[in-house]
């Protein structure tokens, strides 16, 4: 399996386990009202962070060091004074769960390459307060040309 997809699939499981009352979703942008509460994984971007030098001339292509930046968003609806506190609690639980998950760590370049990048909040008023927090991580993994599709 492509390391990117393996990391994203596991991250959705970890994010969904933080609070099982949240509906886990992937890459859905229109989540509100009856679809709340939810935890949404956005695949995010990735960048090439370098190449591991070839050891032999004419051998297979060198592995690439990839940094992938997915975002997990929690979306809630509730009374205004409670929404921010609940979002911060979920953020903290997610950070702890992701940085300690042995299956996620095993998918990274050296078994420790997960970095918490930060979070952003958003709130909207309607009949009740709707709030969200996006929590970003960077996962560093090896992309081995010739082994991605299979």
Protein backbone atom coordinates (compact mmCIF):
# COMPACT_ATOMS: atom_id res chain seq x y z
CA UNK A 1 0.00 0.00 0.00
CA UNK A 2 1.12 3.55 -0.72
CA UNK A 3 2.61 4.92 2.54
CA UNK A 4 0.56 8.11 2.13
CA UNK A 5 -2.72 6.19 2.02
CA UNK A 6 -1.65 3.92 4.90
CA UNK A 7 -0.91 6.94 7.10
CA UNK A 8 -4.18 8.68 6.19
CA UNK A 9 -6.26 5.55 6.77
CA UNK A 10 -4.71 5.03 10.20
CA UNK A 11 -5.00 8.74 11.08
CA UNK A 12 -8.75 8.64 10.44
CA UNK A 13 -9.08 5.66 12.79
CA UNK A 14 -7.05 7.41 15.50
CA UNK A 15 -9.00 10.67 15.09
CA UNK A 16 -12.32 8.80 15.27
CA UNK A 17 -11.26 7.03 18.46
CA UNK A 18 -10.67 10.32 20.31
CA UNK A 19 -14.44 10.65 20.79
CA UNK A 20 -16.66 7.90 19.38
CA UNK A 21 -19.72 10.22 19.37
CA UNK A 22 -18.15 12.07 16.42
CA UNK A 23 -18.92 10.92 12.91
CA UNK A 24 -15.58 10.24 11.13
CA UNK A 25 -15.40 11.57 7.56
CA UNK A 26 -12.71 12.15 4.99
CA UNK A 27 -12.34 15.22 2.75
CA UNK A 28 -15.95 16.36 3.22
CA UNK A 29 -16.29 20.12 3.12
CA UNK A 30 -20.04 20.57 3.64
CA UNK A 31 -20.58 19.26 7.15
CA UNK A 32 -23.10 21.10 9.31
CA UNK A 33 -26.39 20.79 11.15
CA UNK A 34 -27.60 17.19 11.26
CA UNK A 35 -24.13 15.91 10.29
CA UNK A 36 -22.61 17.25 13.52
CA UNK A 37 -20.69 16.44 15.59
CA UNK A 38 -17.99 15.24 13.21
CA UNK A 39 -14.28 14.64 12.87
CA UNK A 40 -13.02 15.21 9.33
CA UNK A 41 -9.65 14.24 7.90
CA UNK A 42 -8.37 16.35 5.03
CA UNK A 43 -5.57 14.65 3.11
CA UNK A 44 -3.58 17.87 2.80
CA UNK A 45 -0.40 18.52 0.90
CA UNK A 46 2.93 16.81 0.68
CA UNK A 47 6.39 17.99 -0.30
CA UNK A 48 9.57 16.28 -1.35
CA UNK A 49 12.07 16.92 1.45
CA UNK A 50 15.03 15.24 -0.25
CA UNK A 51 16.43 12.08 -1.71
CA UNK A 52 18.46 9.33 -0.14
CA UNK A 53 21.63 9.09 -2.25
CA UNK A 54 21.88 6.10 -4.57
CA UNK A 55 24.22 3.40 -3.38
CA UNK A 56 24.79 1.79 -6.78
CA UNK A 57 24.92 3.22 -10.26
CA UNK A 58 22.14 1.85 -12.47
CA UNK A 59 20.17 0.50 -9.51
CA UNK A 60 16.57 1.28 -8.69
CA UNK A 61 15.55 4.92 -8.21
CA UNK A 62 16.50 6.43 -4.88
CA UNK A 63 13.87 6.61 -2.15
CA UNK A 64 12.38 10.06 -1.66
CA UNK A 65 11.85 11.66 1.74
CA UNK A 66 8.27 13.00 1.79
CA UNK A 67 6.66 15.37 4.27
CA UNK A 68 2.87 15.06 4.30
CA UNK A 69 0.66 17.63 6.08
CA UNK A 70 -2.88 16.34 6.69
CA UNK A 71 -5.36 18.23 8.86
CA UNK A 72 -7.93 16.82 11.26
CA UNK A 73 -10.95 19.03 11.94
CA UNK A 74 -13.40 18.66 14.77
CA UNK A 75 -16.81 20.27 14.17
CA UNK A 76 -19.34 20.72 16.96
CA UNK A 77 -22.57 22.49 17.68
CA UNK A 78 -23.64 23.62 21.15
CA UNK A 79 -23.95 26.48 23.59
CA UNK A 80 -21.42 29.24 23.01
CA UNK A 81 -19.58 28.95 26.36
CA UNK A 82 -19.05 25.20 25.88
CA UNK A 83 -17.95 24.89 22.25
CA UNK A 84 -14.43 26.31 22.66
CA UNK A 85 -13.70 24.21 25.74
CA UNK A 86 -14.88 21.01 24.03
CA UNK A 87 -12.82 21.77 20.92
CA UNK A 88 -9.68 22.34 22.99
CA UNK A 89 -10.25 19.09 24.86
CA UNK A 90 -10.58 17.19 21.58
CA UNK A 91 -7.45 18.91 20.23
CA UNK A 92 -5.42 17.80 23.26
CA UNK A 93 -6.70 14.21 23.09
CA UNK A 94 -5.90 14.04 19.37
CA UNK A 95 -2.36 15.34 19.81
CA UNK A 96 -1.69 12.77 22.54
CA UNK A 97 -3.24 9.95 20.51
CA UNK A 98 -1.42 10.73 17.24
CA UNK A 99 2.03 11.31 18.73
CA UNK A 100 1.83 8.07 20.74
CA UNK A 101 0.21 5.77 18.16
CA UNK A 102 2.64 2.96 17.45
CA UNK A 103 0.99 2.04 14.13
CA UNK A 104 1.30 5.61 12.84
CA UNK A 105 4.87 5.91 14.09
CA UNK A 106 5.79 2.65 12.34
CA UNK A 107 4.69 4.16 9.01
CA UNK A 108 7.11 7.10 9.31
CA UNK A 109 10.66 7.36 8.03
CA UNK A 110 12.44 6.52 11.27
CA UNK A 111 9.61 5.55 13.60
CA UNK A 112 9.43 8.99 15.24
CA UNK A 113 8.67 11.38 12.36
CA UNK A 114 5.35 12.88 13.40
CA UNK A 115 5.28 16.56 14.27
CA UNK A 116 2.36 18.60 15.63
CA UNK A 117 2.16 21.79 13.53
CA UNK A 118 -0.56 23.78 15.29
CA UNK A 119 -4.27 24.46 15.18
CA UNK A 120 -6.80 27.00 13.91
CA UNK A 121 -10.30 27.63 15.21
CA UNK A 122 -13.47 28.92 13.59
CA UNK A 123 -16.88 29.63 15.07
CA UNK A 124 -20.22 30.71 13.62
CA UNK A 125 -23.41 31.84 15.27
CA UNK A 126 -26.82 30.52 14.29
CA UNK A 127 -29.52 29.10 16.48
CA UNK A 128 -26.61 27.73 18.47
CA UNK A 129 -22.85 28.13 18.25
CA UNK A 130 -21.12 26.03 15.60
CA UNK A 131 -17.41 25.67 16.06
CA UNK A 132 -14.47 23.89 14.58
CA UNK A 133 -10.79 23.40 15.15
CA UNK A 134 -8.30 22.17 12.58
CA UNK A 135 -5.27 20.34 13.93
CA UNK A 136 -2.26 19.96 11.64
CA UNK A 137 0.51 17.38 11.68
CA UNK A 138 3.52 16.61 9.50
CA UNK A 139 4.35 12.98 8.79
CA UNK A 140 7.73 12.19 7.21
CA UNK A 141 7.90 8.93 5.29
CA UNK A 142 9.94 7.22 2.56
CA UNK A 143 8.49 7.00 -0.92
CA UNK A 144 10.12 4.15 -2.78
CA UNK A 145 9.68 4.56 -6.54
CA UNK A 146 8.35 1.37 -8.07
CA UNK A 147 6.55 0.35 -4.85
CA UNK A 148 3.90 3.09 -4.60
CA UNK A 149 1.08 1.57 -6.68
CA UNK A 150 1.43 -1.92 -5.32
